[in-house]
Amino acid sequence: MRTDDLINALARDPVPALPPVRHLIVRALAISLPVSVMLFVATIGIRKDLMPALAEGWFGIKLLLVGLIVVAGWQLTGSRAQPGRSLPLLGALAAGLAMLTAVALDLRIEGVAGWTERLIGDNAAKCMMLIPLLSAAPLAGLLHALRDAATVRPGQAGAAAGLLAGALGALLYGLHCTDDSPLFLGVWYLASIGLMMLLGALAGRHLLRW
């Protein structure tokens, strides 16, 4: 076959369309997140004082703050998995501003006295262990799904997937954890999520390269 004939034949062949990134993410989480939920139920479960904690206020604020991080992770994962997409910082900025506001309210309402106890809490070691454990399946699912996307920034895409997976794991763990102070959340939850981002970035560099 002559070169011109080969070029013309390739031009006539339809280029397979890439599946929408949103569908890839939803499908990955629909498969992997139930694994984390079952692990959560089988190991630690929901805290026994759920209703009183909701009435107290800080517990609901904790879940709201982690939910904002989930939204930011969703936006960043979608954008980093597609070429030419701008970096969506609104969700991340909203989560950061809400976190700072919650910490300021904590210090104002609860007082500066005793802030070290609220910062360290009772579950720091458990938090650092269980959030990555509950995030492992979503991260693996997201990384596997993003291999079918047009990722041109594999490290960033992996980090964004780690952020989303880590936030989902933190949201699950937050239903069990009795440390509700924004100070505790801002240190131990974010450290655990940051660890998942690092793992996602390292894995993404290898798994998401074309």
Foldseek 3Di string as FASTA:
>chain_A
DDPVVVVVVVVPDDDDDFPQLVVLLVVLCVPQLVVLVVVLCVPFDFAPCQVVVVVVPLLVLLLVLLVLLLVLLVQQLNQQLAPPRDGDCPSVVVSVVSLVVLQVVCCVPVHPPPVVCLLVDDCLVVLLPQLCVSLVRQLVSSLVSSLSTNHPQQLSSQLSSLSNSSSSSLSSVSSRDPSRRSSNCVPRSVVSSNVSSNVRSVVSVPRNDD
